Amino acid sequence: MSNYDRFLLLNSFSRLRDQTQMGAYVYQSTMKHCKMPKSAFYQQWKTSLMSLPLNWK
């Protein structure tokens, strides 16, 4: 996973809390540029969210 992917990931997470629509858009645009299968990317996405500190902002 590149730094840009990680940036999109964190960006989508922060947007997700405030604007689900924007979070979904960031997720979709990441999917377009990502060569990973959808399920594999989603697993990594979920894992990254789980590993974030609870007080992360």
PDB file of N, CA and C in Angstrom:
ATOM      1  N   MET A   1       0.847  -1.198   0.000  1.00  0.00           N
ATOM      2  CA  MET A   1       0.000   0.000   0.000  1.00  0.00           C
ATOM      3  C   MET A   1       0.885   1.251   0.000  1.00  0.00           C
ATOM      4  N   SER A   2       0.671   2.121  -0.959  1.00  0.00           N
ATOM      5  CA  SER A   2       1.493   3.325  -1.066  1.00  0.00           C
ATOM      6  C   SER A   2       1.035   4.381  -0.056  1.00  0.00           C
ATOM      7  N   ASN A   3       1.861   5.393   0.117  1.00  0.00           N
ATOM      8  CA  ASN A   3       1.508   6.478   1.029  1.00  0.00           C
ATOM      9  C   ASN A   3       0.259   7.209   0.561  1.00  0.00           C
ATOM     10  N   TYR A   4       0.120   7.321  -0.772  1.00  0.00           N
ATOM     11  CA  TYR A   4      -1.058   7.998  -1.317  1.00  0.00           C
ATOM     12  C   TYR A   4      -2.329   7.225  -0.978  1.00  0.00           C
ATOM     13  N   ASP A   5      -2.252   5.891  -1.080  1.00  0.00           N
ATOM     14  CA  ASP A   5      -3.395   5.053  -0.700  1.00  0.00           C
ATOM     15  C   ASP A   5      -3.731   5.242   0.767  1.00  0.00           C
ATOM     16  N   ARG A   6      -2.687   5.304   1.596  1.00  0.00           N
ATOM     17  CA  ARG A   6      -2.891   5.461   3.031  1.00  0.00           C
ATOM     18  C   ARG A   6      -3.533   6.822   3.320  1.00  0.00           C
ATOM     19  N   PHE A   7      -3.083   7.837   2.585  1.00  0.00           N
ATOM     20  CA  PHE A   7      -3.673   9.170   2.731  1.00  0.00           C
ATOM     21  C   PHE A   7      -5.155   9.147   2.389  1.00  0.00           C
ATOM     22  N   LEU A   8      -5.492   8.502   1.274  1.00  0.00           N
ATOM     23  CA  LEU A   8      -6.892   8.392   0.874  1.00  0.00           C
ATOM     24  C   LEU A   8      -7.698   7.649   1.926  1.00  0.00           C
ATOM     25  N   LEU A   9      -7.074   6.628   2.499  1.00  0.00           N
ATOM     26  CA  LEU A   9      -7.727   5.805   3.508  1.00  0.00           C
ATOM     27  C   LEU A   9      -8.094   6.638   4.734  1.00  0.00           C
ATOM     28  N   LEU A  10      -7.112   7.367   5.255  1.00  0.00           N
ATOM     29  CA  LEU A  10      -7.353   8.194   6.430  1.00  0.00           C
ATOM     30  C   LEU A  10      -8.315   9.326   6.098  1.00  0.00           C
ATOM     31  N   ASN A  11      -8.163   9.859   4.887  1.00  0.00           N
ATOM     32  CA  ASN A  11      -9.039  10.935   4.447  1.00  0.00           C
ATOM     33  C   ASN A  11     -10.486  10.457   4.388  1.00  0.00           C
ATOM     34  N   SER A  12     -10.686   9.279   3.806  1.00  0.00           N
ATOM     35  CA  SER A  12     -12.041   8.745   3.683  1.00  0.00           C
ATOM     36  C   SER A  12     -12.624   8.444   5.055  1.00  0.00           C
ATOM     37  N   PHE A  13     -11.772   8.003   5.994  1.00  0.00           N
ATOM     38  CA  PHE A  13     -12.258   7.688   7.332  1.00  0.00           C
ATOM     39  C   PHE A  13     -12.763   8.942   8.043  1.00  0.00           C
ATOM     40  N   SER A  14     -11.996  10.035   7.948  1.00  0.00           N
ATOM     41  CA  SER A  14     -12.422  11.268   8.615  1.00  0.00           C
ATOM     42  C   SER A  14     -13.673  11.843   7.958  1.00  0.00           C
ATOM     43  N   ARG A  15     -13.759  11.725   6.637  1.00  0.00           N
ATOM     44  CA  ARG A  15     -14.948  12.198   5.925  1.00  0.00           C
ATOM     45  C   ARG A  15     -16.161  11.344   6.302  1.00  0.00           C
ATOM     46  N   LEU A  16     -15.898  10.047   6.446  1.00  0.00           N
ATOM     47  CA  LEU A  16     -16.962   9.086   6.719  1.00  0.00           C
ATOM     48  C   LEU A  16     -17.737   9.458   7.972  1.00  0.00           C
ATOM     49  N   ARG A  17     -17.032   9.964   8.988  1.00  0.00           N
ATOM     50  CA  ARG A  17     -17.691  10.315  10.235  1.00  0.00           C
ATOM     51  C   ARG A  17     -18.641  11.493  10.045  1.00  0.00           C
ATOM     52  N   ASP A  18     -18.233  12.444   9.180  1.00  0.00           N
ATOM     53  CA  ASP A  18     -19.035  13.652   8.996  1.00  0.00           C
ATOM     54  C   ASP A  18     -20.003  13.532   7.826  1.00  0.00           C
ATOM     55  N   GLN A  19     -19.481  13.061   6.697  1.00  0.00           N
ATOM     56  CA  GLN A  19     -20.301  12.984   5.488  1.00  0.00           C
ATOM     57  C   GLN A  19     -20.145  11.609   4.857  1.00  0.00           C
ATOM     58  N   THR A  20     -21.121  10.748   5.079  1.00  0.00           N
ATOM     59  CA  THR A  20     -21.064   9.397   4.528  1.00  0.00           C
ATOM     60  C   THR A  20     -20.931   9.443   3.011  1.00  0.00           C
ATOM     61  N   GLN A  21     -21.600  10.397   2.408  1.00  0.00           N
ATOM     62  CA  GLN A  21     -21.578  10.516   0.953  1.00  0.00           C
ATOM     63  C   GLN A  21     -20.159  10.753   0.441  1.00  0.00           C
ATOM     64  N   MET A  22     -19.455  11.688   1.094  1.00  0.00           N
ATOM     65  CA  MET A  22     -18.092  12.011   0.687  1.00  0.00           C
ATOM     66  C   MET A  22     -17.173  10.822   0.917  1.00  0.00           C
ATOM     67  N   GLY A  23     -17.360  10.140   2.046  1.00  0.00           N
ATOM     68  CA  GLY A  23     -16.553   8.965   2.344  1.00  0.00           C
ATOM     69  C   GLY A  23     -16.729   7.899   1.284  1.00  0.00           C
ATOM     70  N   ALA A  24     -17.980   7.720   0.855  1.00  0.00           N
ATOM     71  CA  ALA A  24     -18.274   6.741  -0.185  1.00  0.00           C
ATOM     72  C   ALA A  24     -17.621   7.149  -1.503  1.00  0.00           C
ATOM     73  N   TYR A  25     -17.627   8.447  -1.781  1.00  0.00           N
ATOM     74  CA  TYR A  25     -17.005   8.943  -3.015  1.00  0.00           C
ATOM     75  C   TYR A  25     -15.498   8.687  -3.019  1.00  0.00           C
ATOM     76  N   VAL A  26     -14.848   8.998  -1.901  1.00  0.00           N
ATOM     77  CA  VAL A  26     -13.402   8.773  -1.786  1.00  0.00           C
ATOM     78  C   VAL A  26     -13.099   7.290  -1.922  1.00  0.00           C
ATOM     79  N   TYR A  27     -13.944   6.464  -1.290  1.00  0.00           N
ATOM     80  CA  TYR A  27     -13.764   5.013  -1.374  1.00  0.00           C
ATOM     81  C   TYR A  27     -13.885   4.547  -2.824  1.00  0.00           C
ATOM     82  N   GLN A  28     -14.898   5.038  -3.525  1.00  0.00           N
ATOM     83  CA  GLN A  28     -15.130   4.653  -4.915  1.00  0.00           C
ATOM     84  C   GLN A  28     -13.978   5.082  -5.814  1.00  0.00           C
ATOM     85  N   SER A  29     -13.503   6.321  -5.651  1.00  0.00           N
ATOM     86  CA  SER A  29     -12.420   6.815  -6.498  1.00  0.00           C
ATOM     87  C   SER A  29     -11.122   6.069  -6.210  1.00  0.00           C
ATOM     88  N   THR A  30     -10.949   5.640  -4.950  1.00  0.00           N
ATOM     89  CA  THR A  30      -9.778   4.829  -4.611  1.00  0.00           C
ATOM     90  C   THR A  30      -9.876   3.481  -5.312  1.00  0.00           C
ATOM     91  N   MET A  31     -11.087   2.922  -5.324  1.00  0.00           N
ATOM     92  CA  MET A  31     -11.299   1.630  -5.972  1.00  0.00           C
ATOM     93  C   MET A  31     -10.925   1.685  -7.451  1.00  0.00           C
ATOM     94  N   LYS A  32     -11.235   2.798  -8.102  1.00  0.00           N
ATOM     95  CA  LYS A  32     -10.956   2.941  -9.533  1.00  0.00           C
ATOM     96  C   LYS A  32      -9.464   2.897  -9.819  1.00  0.00           C
ATOM     97  N   HIS A  33      -8.657   3.493  -8.931  1.00  0.00           N
ATOM     98  CA  HIS A  33      -7.216   3.559  -9.154  1.00  0.00           C
ATOM     99  C   HIS A  33      -6.480   2.372  -8.549  1.00  0.00           C
ATOM    100  N   CYS A  34      -7.207   1.572  -7.792  1.00  0.00           N
ATOM    101  CA  CYS A  34      -6.589   0.443  -7.104  1.00  0.00           C
ATOM    102  C   CYS A  34      -6.718  -0.813  -7.954  1.00  0.00           C
ATOM    103  N   LYS A  35      -5.602  -1.534  -8.131  1.00  0.00           N
ATOM    104  CA  LYS A  35      -5.624  -2.732  -8.963  1.00  0.00           C
ATOM    105  C   LYS A  35      -6.023  -3.974  -8.158  1.00  0.00           C
ATOM    106  N   MET A  36      -6.149  -3.790  -6.852  1.00  0.00           N
ATOM    107  CA  MET A  36      -6.528  -4.901  -5.980  1.00  0.00           C
ATOM    108  C   MET A  36      -7.974  -5.323  -6.233  1.00  0.00           C
ATOM    109  N   PRO A  37      -8.286  -6.604  -6.024  1.00  0.00           N
ATOM    110  CA  PRO A  37      -9.694  -7.011  -6.045  1.00  0.00           C
ATOM    111  C   PRO A  37     -10.455  -6.272  -4.944  1.00  0.00           C
ATOM    112  N   LYS A  38     -11.711  -6.026  -5.165  1.00  0.00           N
ATOM    113  CA  LYS A  38     -12.517  -5.244  -4.229  1.00  0.00           C
ATOM    114  C   LYS A  38     -12.479  -5.821  -2.820  1.00  0.00           C
ATOM    115  N   SER A  39     -12.640  -7.130  -2.706  1.00  0.00           N
ATOM    116  CA  SER A  39     -12.687  -7.756  -1.381  1.00  0.00           C
ATOM    117  C   SER A  39     -11.359  -7.614  -0.647  1.00  0.00           C
ATOM    118  N   ALA A  40     -10.256  -7.761  -1.377  1.00  0.00           N
ATOM    119  CA  ALA A  40      -8.933  -7.635  -0.763  1.00  0.00           C
ATOM    120  C   ALA A  40      -8.710  -6.208  -0.275  1.00  0.00           C
ATOM    121  N   PHE A  41      -9.122  -5.243  -1.093  1.00  0.00           N
ATOM    122  CA  PHE A  41      -8.971  -3.843  -0.692  1.00  0.00           C
ATOM    123  C   PHE A  41      -9.832  -3.545   0.531  1.00  0.00           C
ATOM    124  N   TYR A  42     -11.057  -4.062   0.534  1.00  0.00           N
ATOM    125  CA  TYR A  42     -11.968  -3.816   1.644  1.00  0.00           C
ATOM    126  C   TYR A  42     -11.416  -4.391   2.944  1.00  0.00           C
ATOM    127  N   GLN A  43     -10.834  -5.589   2.851  1.00  0.00           N
ATOM    128  CA  GLN A  43     -10.223  -6.207   4.028  1.00  0.00           C
ATOM    129  C   GLN A  43      -9.123  -5.314   4.589  1.00  0.00           C
ATOM    130  N   GLN A  44      -8.271  -4.792   3.680  1.00  0.00           N
ATOM    131  CA  GLN A  44      -7.177  -3.931   4.107  1.00  0.00           C
ATOM    132  C   GLN A  44      -7.715  -2.632   4.688  1.00  0.00           C
ATOM    133  N   TRP A  45      -8.788  -2.141   4.076  1.00  0.00           N
ATOM    134  CA  TRP A  45      -9.439  -0.911   4.524  1.00  0.00           C
ATOM    135  C   TRP A  45      -9.956  -1.094   5.952  1.00  0.00           C
ATOM    136  N   LYS A  46     -10.648  -2.208   6.186  1.00  0.00           N
ATOM    137  CA  LYS A  46     -11.186  -2.501   7.512  1.00  0.00           C
ATOM    138  C   LYS A  46     -10.074  -2.687   8.531  1.00  0.00           C
ATOM    139  N   THR A  47      -9.037  -3.428   8.139  1.00  0.00           N
ATOM    140  CA  THR A  47      -7.916  -3.680   9.039  1.00  0.00           C
ATOM    141  C   THR A  47      -7.247  -2.374   9.446  1.00  0.00           C
ATOM    142  N   SER A  48      -7.081  -1.473   8.484  1.00  0.00           N
ATOM    143  CA  SER A  48      -6.459  -0.182   8.773  1.00  0.00           C
ATOM    144  C   SER A  48      -7.308   0.628   9.742  1.00  0.00           C
ATOM    145  N   LEU A  49      -8.612   0.579   9.564  1.00  0.00           N
ATOM    146  CA  LEU A  49      -9.506   1.303  10.467  1.00  0.00           C
ATOM    147  C   LEU A  49      -9.414   0.727  11.874  1.00  0.00           C
ATOM    148  N   MET A  50      -9.333  -0.595  11.968  1.00  0.00           N
ATOM    149  CA  MET A  50      -9.262  -1.255  13.271  1.00  0.00           C
ATOM    150  C   MET A  50      -7.968  -0.897  13.997  1.00  0.00           C
ATOM    151  N   SER A  51      -6.890  -0.671  13.235  1.00  0.00           N
ATOM    152  CA  SER A  51      -5.597  -0.426  13.862  1.00  0.00           C
ATOM    153  C   SER A  51      -5.394   1.040  14.242  1.00  0.00           C
ATOM    154  N   LEU A  52      -6.352   1.900  13.865  1.00  0.00           N
ATOM    155  CA  LEU A  52      -6.245   3.304  14.251  1.00  0.00           C
ATOM    156  C   LEU A  52      -6.474   3.434  15.751  1.00  0.00           C
ATOM    157  N   PRO A  53      -5.707   4.329  16.398  1.00  0.00           N
ATOM    158  CA  PRO A  53      -5.957   4.569  17.824  1.00  0.00           C
ATOM    159  C   PRO A  53      -7.381   5.092  18.038  1.00  0.00           C
ATOM    160  N   LEU A  54      -7.949   4.775  19.174  1.00  0.00           N
ATOM    161  CA  LEU A  54      -9.342   5.148  19.433  1.00  0.00           C
ATOM    162  C   LEU A  54      -9.540   6.654  19.479  1.00  0.00           C
ATOM    163  N   ASN A  55      -8.504   7.374  19.920  1.00  0.00           N
ATOM    164  CA  ASN A  55      -8.650   8.829  20.042  1.00  0.00           C
ATOM    165  C   ASN A  55      -8.127   9.555  18.812  1.00  0.00           C
ATOM    166  N   TRP A  56      -7.937   8.813  17.712  1.00  0.00           N
ATOM    167  CA  TRP A  56      -7.414   9.427  16.485  1.00  0.00           C
ATOM    168  C   TRP A  56      -8.413  10.410  15.893  1.00  0.00           C
ATOM    169  N   LYS A  57      -7.878  11.560  15.438  1.00  0.00           N
ATOM    170  CA  LYS A  57      -8.774  12.546  14.809  1.00  0.00           C
ATOM    171  C   LYS A  57      -8.191  13.010  13.500  1.00  0.00           C
TER     172      LYS A  57
END
